[in-house]
Amino acid sequence: MLKKFTTIEIKEQITAIPLWKVVRGKLYREFVFTDFNEAFGFMIKVAAIAKKMDHHPEWSNVYKKVKVYLTTHNVGGISELDFKLAHKIDLLV
């Protein structure tokens, strides 16, 4: 069963994904690509991973930038799932 991580647990876990930070209670990272096609291709790869995990990001895309926010809505905050997805996303770039 998933649980919302405490602030201490988040600080411990985030060391494994150093390019991410906590913004407004969610894991956050911005990715910048060479162009829109590369950014969109990245989003397609993330979507496939998210579907398999049944855990979907909040994100936005403007031209070559993709902003990703991760939170587990049914626990009301950041959980183990968010860190797992962030790590898988990091492996793509």
PDB file of N, CA and C in Angstrom:
ATOM      1  N   MET A   1       0.843  -1.187   0.000  1.00  0.00           N
ATOM      2  CA  MET A   1       0.000   0.000   0.000  1.00  0.00           C
ATOM      3  C   MET A   1       0.886   1.248   0.000  1.00  0.00           C
ATOM      4  N   LEU A   2       0.556   2.154  -0.874  1.00  0.00           N
ATOM      5  CA  LEU A   2       1.320   3.398  -0.973  1.00  0.00           C
ATOM      6  C   LEU A   2       1.009   4.334   0.181  1.00  0.00           C
ATOM      7  N   LYS A   3       2.034   5.098   0.570  1.00  0.00           N
ATOM      8  CA  LYS A   3       1.819   6.116   1.590  1.00  0.00           C
ATOM      9  C   LYS A   3       2.530   7.389   1.165  1.00  0.00           C
ATOM     10  N   LYS A   4       2.028   8.471   1.643  1.00  0.00           N
ATOM     11  CA  LYS A   4       2.655   9.768   1.390  1.00  0.00           C
ATOM     12  C   LYS A   4       3.953   9.843   2.170  1.00  0.00           C
ATOM     13  N   PHE A   5       5.033  10.217   1.490  1.00  0.00           N
ATOM     14  CA  PHE A   5       6.322  10.360   2.150  1.00  0.00           C
ATOM     15  C   PHE A   5       6.337  11.616   3.015  1.00  0.00           C
ATOM     16  N   THR A   6       7.053  11.526   4.111  1.00  0.00           N
ATOM     17  CA  THR A   6       7.267  12.690   4.963  1.00  0.00           C
ATOM     18  C   THR A   6       8.350  13.564   4.330  1.00  0.00           C
ATOM     19  N   THR A   7       8.495  14.757   4.825  1.00  0.00           N
ATOM     20  CA  THR A   7       9.544  15.656   4.340  1.00  0.00           C
ATOM     21  C   THR A   7      10.921  15.019   4.495  1.00  0.00           C
ATOM     22  N   ILE A   8      11.142  14.344   5.600  1.00  0.00           N
ATOM     23  CA  ILE A   8      12.432  13.675   5.838  1.00  0.00           C
ATOM     24  C   ILE A   8      12.650  12.561   4.820  1.00  0.00           C
ATOM     25  N   GLU A   9      11.639  11.758   4.570  1.00  0.00           N
ATOM     26  CA  GLU A   9      11.758  10.673   3.589  1.00  0.00           C
ATOM     27  C   GLU A   9      12.039  11.227   2.188  1.00  0.00           C
ATOM     28  N   ILE A  10      11.394  12.331   1.843  1.00  0.00           N
ATOM     29  CA  ILE A  10      11.616  12.956   0.535  1.00  0.00           C
ATOM     30  C   ILE A  10      13.066  13.426   0.429  1.00  0.00           C
ATOM     31  N   LYS A  11      13.573  14.077   1.473  1.00  0.00           N
ATOM     32  CA  LYS A  11      14.964  14.558   1.454  1.00  0.00           C
ATOM     33  C   LYS A  11      15.952  13.401   1.312  1.00  0.00           C
ATOM     34  N   GLU A  12      15.648  12.276   1.929  1.00  0.00           N
ATOM     35  CA  GLU A  12      16.514  11.103   1.818  1.00  0.00           C
ATOM     36  C   GLU A  12      16.465  10.524   0.402  1.00  0.00           C
ATOM     37  N   GLN A  13      15.271  10.419  -0.158  1.00  0.00           N
ATOM     38  CA  GLN A  13      15.075   9.789  -1.469  1.00  0.00           C
ATOM     39  C   GLN A  13      15.569  10.655  -2.620  1.00  0.00           C
ATOM     40  N   ILE A  14      15.457  11.956  -2.487  1.00  0.00           N
ATOM     41  CA  ILE A  14      15.761  12.847  -3.610  1.00  0.00           C
ATOM     42  C   ILE A  14      17.256  12.858  -3.954  1.00  0.00           C
ATOM     43  N   THR A  15      18.082  12.394  -3.040  1.00  0.00           N
ATOM     44  CA  THR A  15      19.514  12.324  -3.346  1.00  0.00           C
ATOM     45  C   THR A  15      19.794  11.363  -4.502  1.00  0.00           C
ATOM     46  N   ALA A  16      18.902  10.404  -4.738  1.00  0.00           N
ATOM     47  CA  ALA A  16      19.075   9.439  -5.829  1.00  0.00           C
ATOM     48  C   ALA A  16      18.688  10.030  -7.184  1.00  0.00           C
ATOM     49  N   ILE A  17      17.975  11.159  -7.167  1.00  0.00           N
ATOM     50  CA  ILE A  17      17.561  11.833  -8.411  1.00  0.00           C
ATOM     51  C   ILE A  17      17.899  13.318  -8.276  1.00  0.00           C
ATOM     52  N   PRO A  18      19.185  13.653  -8.290  1.00  0.00           N
ATOM     53  CA  PRO A  18      19.632  15.000  -7.928  1.00  0.00           C
ATOM     54  C   PRO A  18      19.178  16.127  -8.851  1.00  0.00           C
ATOM     55  N   LEU A  19      18.716  15.826 -10.045  1.00  0.00           N
ATOM     56  CA  LEU A  19      18.266  16.882 -10.954  1.00  0.00           C
ATOM     57  C   LEU A  19      16.805  17.267 -10.717  1.00  0.00           C
ATOM     58  N   TRP A  20      16.144  16.552  -9.837  1.00  0.00           N
ATOM     59  CA  TRP A  20      14.758  16.846  -9.477  1.00  0.00           C
ATOM     60  C   TRP A  20      14.751  17.675  -8.201  1.00  0.00           C
ATOM     61  N   LYS A  21      13.673  18.444  -8.021  1.00  0.00           N
ATOM     62  CA  LYS A  21      13.485  19.184  -6.773  1.00  0.00           C
ATOM     63  C   LYS A  21      12.001  19.142  -6.422  1.00  0.00           C
ATOM     64  N   VAL A  22      11.693  19.593  -5.237  1.00  0.00           N
ATOM     65  CA  VAL A  22      10.302  19.645  -4.811  1.00  0.00           C
ATOM     66  C   VAL A  22       9.779  21.056  -5.046  1.00  0.00           C
ATOM     67  N   VAL A  23       8.706  21.149  -5.807  1.00  0.00           N
ATOM     68  CA  VAL A  23       8.050  22.425  -6.109  1.00  0.00           C
ATOM     69  C   VAL A  23       6.559  22.239  -5.847  1.00  0.00           C
ATOM     70  N   ARG A  24       6.015  23.083  -4.998  1.00  0.00           N
ATOM     71  CA  ARG A  24       4.596  23.025  -4.654  1.00  0.00           C
ATOM     72  C   ARG A  24       4.146  21.615  -4.244  1.00  0.00           C
ATOM     73  N   GLY A  25       4.989  20.937  -3.474  1.00  0.00           N
ATOM     74  CA  GLY A  25       4.637  19.617  -2.950  1.00  0.00           C
ATOM     75  C   GLY A  25       4.704  18.485  -3.957  1.00  0.00           C
ATOM     76  N   LYS A  26       5.387  18.716  -5.097  1.00  0.00           N
ATOM     77  CA  LYS A  26       5.508  17.695  -6.133  1.00  0.00           C
ATOM     78  C   LYS A  26       6.960  17.612  -6.579  1.00  0.00           C
ATOM     79  N   LEU A  27       7.366  16.420  -7.047  1.00  0.00           N
ATOM     80  CA  LEU A  27       8.685  16.323  -7.663  1.00  0.00           C
ATOM     81  C   LEU A  27       8.631  17.063  -8.987  1.00  0.00           C
ATOM     82  N   TYR A  28       9.682  17.812  -9.303  1.00  0.00           N
ATOM     83  CA  TYR A  28       9.684  18.647 -10.511  1.00  0.00           C
ATOM     84  C   TYR A  28      11.040  18.598 -11.203  1.00  0.00           C
ATOM     85  N   ARG A  29      10.960  18.546 -12.528  1.00  0.00           N
ATOM     86  CA  ARG A  29      12.174  18.699 -13.334  1.00  0.00           C
ATOM     87  C   ARG A  29      11.776  19.281 -14.685  1.00  0.00           C
ATOM     88  N   GLU A  30      12.628  20.151 -15.200  1.00  0.00           N
ATOM     89  CA  GLU A  30      12.430  20.703 -16.536  1.00  0.00           C
ATOM     90  C   GLU A  30      13.482  20.114 -17.464  1.00  0.00           C
ATOM     91  N   PHE A  31      13.034  19.681 -18.630  1.00  0.00           N
ATOM     92  CA  PHE A  31      13.908  19.118 -19.648  1.00  0.00           C
ATOM     93  C   PHE A  31      13.920  20.059 -20.840  1.00  0.00           C
ATOM     94  N   VAL A  32      15.102  20.274 -21.405  1.00  0.00           N
ATOM     95  CA  VAL A  32      15.235  21.125 -22.587  1.00  0.00           C
ATOM     96  C   VAL A  32      15.898  20.289 -23.675  1.00  0.00           C
ATOM     97  N   PHE A  33      15.246  20.235 -24.827  1.00  0.00           N
ATOM     98  CA  PHE A  33      15.718  19.438 -25.951  1.00  0.00           C
ATOM     99  C   PHE A  33      16.151  20.351 -27.097  1.00  0.00           C
ATOM    100  N   THR A  34      16.617  19.764 -28.162  1.00  0.00           N
ATOM    101  CA  THR A  34      17.098  20.576 -29.285  1.00  0.00           C
ATOM    102  C   THR A  34      15.959  21.188 -30.088  1.00  0.00           C
ATOM    103  N   ASP A  35      14.803  20.521 -30.107  1.00  0.00           N
ATOM    104  CA  ASP A  35      13.666  21.034 -30.859  1.00  0.00           C
ATOM    105  C   ASP A  35      12.381  20.357 -30.381  1.00  0.00           C
ATOM    106  N   PHE A  36      11.263  20.739 -30.999  1.00  0.00           N
ATOM    107  CA  PHE A  36       9.960  20.207 -30.609  1.00  0.00           C
ATOM    108  C   PHE A  36       9.878  18.701 -30.834  1.00  0.00           C
ATOM    109  N   ASN A  37      10.395  18.206 -31.950  1.00  0.00           N
ATOM    110  CA  ASN A  37      10.304  16.772 -32.246  1.00  0.00           C
ATOM    111  C   ASN A  37      11.001  15.933 -31.183  1.00  0.00           C
ATOM    112  N   GLU A  38      12.155  16.380 -30.743  1.00  0.00           N
ATOM    113  CA  GLU A  38      12.860  15.652 -29.698  1.00  0.00           C
ATOM    114  C   GLU A  38      12.080  15.699 -28.376  1.00  0.00           C
ATOM    115  N   ALA A  39      11.527  16.848 -28.050  1.00  0.00           N
ATOM    116  CA  ALA A  39      10.731  16.985 -26.821  1.00  0.00           C
ATOM    117  C   ALA A  39       9.499  16.089 -26.877  1.00  0.00           C
ATOM    118  N   PHE A  40       8.828  16.085 -28.015  1.00  0.00           N
ATOM    119  CA  PHE A  40       7.613  15.275 -28.147  1.00  0.00           C
ATOM    120  C   PHE A  40       7.950  13.782 -28.124  1.00  0.00           C
ATOM    121  N   GLY A  41       9.048  13.409 -28.750  1.00  0.00           N
ATOM    122  CA  GLY A  41       9.487  12.018 -28.701  1.00  0.00           C
ATOM    123  C   GLY A  41       9.748  11.556 -27.277  1.00  0.00           C
ATOM    124  N   PHE A  42      10.361  12.424 -26.484  1.00  0.00           N
ATOM    125  CA  PHE A  42      10.591  12.142 -25.067  1.00  0.00           C
ATOM    126  C   PHE A  42       9.260  11.925 -24.348  1.00  0.00           C
ATOM    127  N   MET A  43       8.291  12.772 -24.628  1.00  0.00           N
ATOM    128  CA  MET A  43       6.988  12.655 -23.975  1.00  0.00           C
ATOM    129  C   MET A  43       6.310  11.331 -24.333  1.00  0.00           C
ATOM    130  N   ILE A  44       6.452  10.898 -25.569  1.00  0.00           N
ATOM    131  CA  ILE A  44       5.865   9.619 -25.985  1.00  0.00           C
ATOM    132  C   ILE A  44       6.503   8.468 -25.201  1.00  0.00           C
ATOM    133  N   LYS A  45       7.823   8.512 -25.028  1.00  0.00           N
ATOM    134  CA  LYS A  45       8.511   7.465 -24.261  1.00  0.00           C
ATOM    135  C   LYS A  45       8.067   7.470 -22.802  1.00  0.00           C
ATOM    136  N   VAL A  46       7.949   8.659 -22.221  1.00  0.00           N
ATOM    137  CA  VAL A  46       7.489   8.754 -20.829  1.00  0.00           C
ATOM    138  C   VAL A  46       6.058   8.233 -20.711  1.00  0.00           C
ATOM    139  N   ALA A  47       5.221   8.565 -21.677  1.00  0.00           N
ATOM    140  CA  ALA A  47       3.820   8.111 -21.644  1.00  0.00           C
ATOM    141  C   ALA A  47       3.740   6.590 -21.631  1.00  0.00           C
ATOM    142  N   ALA A  48       4.587   5.921 -22.406  1.00  0.00           N
ATOM    143  CA  ALA A  48       4.579   4.455 -22.441  1.00  0.00           C
ATOM    144  C   ALA A  48       4.979   3.871 -21.084  1.00  0.00           C
ATOM    145  N   ILE A  49       5.998   4.459 -20.467  1.00  0.00           N
ATOM    146  CA  ILE A  49       6.427   4.005 -19.141  1.00  0.00           C
ATOM    147  C   ILE A  49       5.325   4.255 -18.111  1.00  0.00           C
ATOM    148  N   ALA A  50       4.750   5.446 -18.153  1.00  0.00           N
ATOM    149  CA  ALA A  50       3.697   5.813 -17.199  1.00  0.00           C
ATOM    150  C   ALA A  50       2.493   4.879 -17.322  1.00  0.00           C
ATOM    151  N   LYS A  51       2.154   4.515 -18.537  1.00  0.00           N
ATOM    152  CA  LYS A  51       1.015   3.607 -18.736  1.00  0.00           C
ATOM    153  C   LYS A  51       1.295   2.260 -18.090  1.00  0.00           C
ATOM    154  N   LYS A  52       2.500   1.729 -18.280  1.00  0.00           N
ATOM    155  CA  LYS A  52       2.861   0.443 -17.666  1.00  0.00           C
ATOM    156  C   LYS A  52       2.817   0.520 -16.148  1.00  0.00           C
ATOM    157  N   MET A  53       3.206   1.666 -15.601  1.00  0.00           N
ATOM    158  CA  MET A  53       3.219   1.843 -14.145  1.00  0.00           C
ATOM    159  C   MET A  53       1.844   2.228 -13.602  1.00  0.00           C
ATOM    160  N   ASP A  54       0.936   2.610 -14.495  1.00  0.00           N
ATOM    161  CA  ASP A  54      -0.368   3.167 -14.117  1.00  0.00           C
ATOM    162  C   ASP A  54      -0.161   4.356 -13.171  1.00  0.00           C
ATOM    163  N   HIS A  55       0.788   5.200 -13.568  1.00  0.00           N
ATOM    164  CA  HIS A  55       1.119   6.390 -12.774  1.00  0.00           C
ATOM    165  C   HIS A  55       1.524   7.482 -13.756  1.00  0.00           C
ATOM    166  N   HIS A  56       0.748   8.523 -13.833  1.00  0.00           N
ATOM    167  CA  HIS A  56       0.900   9.490 -14.921  1.00  0.00           C
ATOM    168  C   HIS A  56       1.358  10.859 -14.421  1.00  0.00           C
ATOM    169  N   PRO A  57       2.271  11.465 -15.174  1.00  0.00           N
ATOM    170  CA  PRO A  57       2.799  12.768 -14.763  1.00  0.00           C
ATOM    171  C   PRO A  57       1.837  13.911 -15.062  1.00  0.00           C
ATOM    172  N   GLU A  58       2.051  14.990 -14.362  1.00  0.00           N
ATOM    173  CA  GLU A  58       1.465  16.270 -14.749  1.00  0.00           C
ATOM    174  C   GLU A  58       2.586  16.947 -15.524  1.00  0.00           C
ATOM    175  N   TRP A  59       2.309  17.394 -16.730  1.00  0.00           N
ATOM    176  CA  TRP A  59       3.389  17.982 -17.515  1.00  0.00           C
ATOM    177  C   TRP A  59       2.884  19.004 -18.486  1.00  0.00           C
ATOM    178  N   SER A  60       3.837  19.775 -18.998  1.00  0.00           N
ATOM    179  CA  SER A  60       3.511  20.742 -20.042  1.00  0.00           C
ATOM    180  C   SER A  60       4.676  20.778 -21.016  1.00  0.00           C
ATOM    181  N   ASN A  61       4.358  21.172 -22.236  1.00  0.00           N
ATOM    182  CA  ASN A  61       5.362  21.245 -23.290  1.00  0.00           C
ATOM    183  C   ASN A  61       5.179  22.549 -24.045  1.00  0.00           C
ATOM    184  N   VAL A  62       6.246  23.314 -24.157  1.00  0.00           N
ATOM    185  CA  VAL A  62       6.278  24.497 -25.005  1.00  0.00           C
ATOM    186  C   VAL A  62       7.545  24.382 -25.845  1.00  0.00           C
ATOM    187  N   TYR A  63       7.346  24.212 -27.133  1.00  0.00           N
ATOM    188  CA  TYR A  63       8.408  24.042 -28.116  1.00  0.00           C
ATOM    189  C   TYR A  63       9.388  22.956 -27.675  1.00  0.00           C
ATOM    190  N   LYS A  64      10.566  23.319 -27.199  1.00  0.00           N
ATOM    191  CA  LYS A  64      11.574  22.315 -26.872  1.00  0.00           C
ATOM    192  C   LYS A  64      11.723  22.049 -25.375  1.00  0.00           C
ATOM    193  N   LYS A  65      10.822  22.609 -24.572  1.00  0.00           N
ATOM    194  CA  LYS A  65      10.868  22.422 -23.124  1.00  0.00           C
ATOM    195  C   LYS A  65       9.712  21.541 -22.654  1.00  0.00           C
ATOM    196  N   VAL A  66      10.029  20.644 -21.733  1.00  0.00           N
ATOM    197  CA  VAL A  66       9.013  19.808 -21.101  1.00  0.00           C
ATOM    198  C   VAL A  66       9.182  19.953 -19.595  1.00  0.00           C
ATOM    199  N   LYS A  67       8.124  20.371 -18.929  1.00  0.00           N
ATOM    200  CA  LYS A  67       8.119  20.473 -17.468  1.00  0.00           C
ATOM    201  C   LYS A  67       7.324  19.297 -16.925  1.00  0.00           C
ATOM    202  N   VAL A  68       7.915  18.572 -15.977  1.00  0.00           N
ATOM    203  CA  VAL A  68       7.292  17.378 -15.418  1.00  0.00           C
ATOM    204  C   VAL A  68       7.114  17.549 -13.917  1.00  0.00           C
ATOM    205  N   TYR A  69       5.901  17.302 -13.461  1.00  0.00           N
ATOM    206  CA  TYR A  69       5.580  17.286 -12.031  1.00  0.00           C
ATOM    207  C   TYR A  69       5.063  15.898 -11.694  1.00  0.00           C
ATOM    208  N   LEU A  70       5.540  15.336 -10.596  1.00  0.00           N
ATOM    209  CA  LEU A  70       5.099  14.016 -10.165  1.00  0.00           C
ATOM    210  C   LEU A  70       4.537  14.082  -8.756  1.00  0.00           C
ATOM    211  N   THR A  71       3.355  13.536  -8.620  1.00  0.00           N
ATOM    212  CA  THR A  71       2.706  13.427  -7.323  1.00  0.00           C
ATOM    213  C   THR A  71       1.746  12.247  -7.385  1.00  0.00           C
ATOM    214  N   THR A  72       1.449  11.682  -6.236  1.00  0.00           N
ATOM    215  CA  THR A  72       0.508  10.566  -6.172  1.00  0.00           C
ATOM    216  C   THR A  72      -0.791  11.103  -5.589  1.00  0.00           C
ATOM    217  N   HIS A  73      -1.755  11.314  -6.456  1.00  0.00           N
ATOM    218  CA  HIS A  73      -2.986  11.977  -6.041  1.00  0.00           C
ATOM    219  C   HIS A  73      -3.748  11.216  -4.960  1.00  0.00           C
ATOM    220  N   ASN A  74      -3.775   9.885  -5.053  1.00  0.00           N
ATOM    221  CA  ASN A  74      -4.595   9.154  -4.072  1.00  0.00           C
ATOM    222  C   ASN A  74      -3.984   9.102  -2.669  1.00  0.00           C
ATOM    223  N   VAL A  75      -2.713   9.554  -2.505  1.00  0.00           N
ATOM    224  CA  VAL A  75      -2.155   9.682  -1.152  1.00  0.00           C
ATOM    225  C   VAL A  75      -1.968  11.141  -0.767  1.00  0.00           C
ATOM    226  N   GLY A  76      -2.222  12.036  -1.703  1.00  0.00           N
ATOM    227  CA  GLY A  76      -2.150  13.458  -1.406  1.00  0.00           C
ATOM    228  C   GLY A  76      -0.746  14.020  -1.301  1.00  0.00           C
ATOM    229  N   GLY A  77       0.201  13.427  -2.050  1.00  0.00           N
ATOM    230  CA  GLY A  77       1.562  13.940  -2.008  1.00  0.00           C
ATOM    231  C   GLY A  77       2.521  13.031  -2.745  1.00  0.00           C
ATOM    232  N   ILE A  78       3.772  13.140  -2.397  1.00  0.00           N
ATOM    233  CA  ILE A  78       4.831  12.376  -3.054  1.00  0.00           C
ATOM    234  C   ILE A  78       4.942  10.999  -2.407  1.00  0.00           C
ATOM    235  N   SER A  79       5.020   9.974  -3.263  1.00  0.00           N
ATOM    236  CA  SER A  79       5.149   8.602  -2.768  1.00  0.00           C
ATOM    237  C   SER A  79       6.297   7.891  -3.479  1.00  0.00           C
ATOM    238  N   GLU A  80       6.484   6.654  -3.135  1.00  0.00           N
ATOM    239  CA  GLU A  80       7.518   5.818  -3.762  1.00  0.00           C
ATOM    240  C   GLU A  80       7.335   5.759  -5.284  1.00  0.00           C
ATOM    241  N   LEU A  81       6.085   5.734  -5.745  1.00  0.00           N
ATOM    242  CA  LEU A  81       5.810   5.690  -7.186  1.00  0.00           C
ATOM    243  C   LEU A  81       6.418   6.878  -7.922  1.00  0.00           C
ATOM    244  N   ASP A  82       6.347   8.038  -7.323  1.00  0.00           N
ATOM    245  CA  ASP A  82       6.897   9.237  -7.954  1.00  0.00           C
ATOM    246  C   ASP A  82       8.406   9.129  -8.123  1.00  0.00           C
ATOM    247  N   PHE A  83       9.079   8.612  -7.124  1.00  0.00           N
ATOM    248  CA  PHE A  83      10.525   8.452  -7.234  1.00  0.00           C
ATOM    249  C   PHE A  83      10.884   7.387  -8.265  1.00  0.00           C
ATOM    250  N   LYS A  84      10.113   6.322  -8.330  1.00  0.00           N
ATOM    251  CA  LYS A  84      10.370   5.283  -9.331  1.00  0.00           C
ATOM    252  C   LYS A  84      10.198   5.840 -10.749  1.00  0.00           C
ATOM    253  N   LEU A  85       9.121   6.600 -10.959  1.00  0.00           N
ATOM    254  CA  LEU A  85       8.895   7.169 -12.281  1.00  0.00           C
ATOM    255  C   LEU A  85       9.965   8.208 -12.616  1.00  0.00           C
ATOM    256  N   ALA A  86      10.347   9.027 -11.664  1.00  0.00           N
ATOM    257  CA  ALA A  86      11.394  10.033 -11.907  1.00  0.00           C
ATOM    258  C   ALA A  86      12.688   9.339 -12.317  1.00  0.00           C
ATOM    259  N   HIS A  87      13.032   8.263 -11.655  1.00  0.00           N
ATOM    260  CA  HIS A  87      14.259   7.542 -12.003  1.00  0.00           C
ATOM    261  C   HIS A  87      14.176   6.974 -13.421  1.00  0.00           C
ATOM    262  N   LYS A  88      13.044   6.410 -13.772  1.00  0.00           N
ATOM    263  CA  LYS A  88      12.875   5.864 -15.128  1.00  0.00           C
ATOM    264  C   LYS A  88      12.931   6.968 -16.172  1.00  0.00           C
ATOM    265  N   ILE A  89      12.371   8.117 -15.854  1.00  0.00           N
ATOM    266  CA  ILE A  89      12.439   9.253 -16.779  1.00  0.00           C
ATOM    267  C   ILE A  89      13.891   9.691 -16.961  1.00  0.00           C
ATOM    268  N   ASP A  90      14.642   9.746 -15.872  1.00  0.00           N
ATOM    269  CA  ASP A  90      16.051  10.145 -15.955  1.00  0.00           C
ATOM    270  C   ASP A  90      16.854   9.213 -16.858  1.00  0.00           C
ATOM    271  N   LEU A  91      16.506   7.945 -16.879  1.00  0.00           N
ATOM    272  CA  LEU A  91      17.222   6.979 -17.715  1.00  0.00           C
ATOM    273  C   LEU A  91      16.990   7.219 -19.212  1.00  0.00           C
ATOM    274  N   LEU A  92      15.945   7.959 -19.548  1.00  0.00           N
ATOM    275  CA  LEU A  92      15.637   8.234 -20.941  1.00  0.00           C
ATOM    276  C   LEU A  92      16.515   9.326 -21.546  1.00  0.00           C
ATOM    277  N   VAL A  93      17.055  10.195 -20.707  1.00  0.00           N
ATOM    278  CA  VAL A  93      17.817  11.349 -21.234  1.00  0.00           C
ATOM    279  C   VAL A  93      19.301  11.222 -20.976  1.00  0.00           C
TER     280      VAL A  93
END
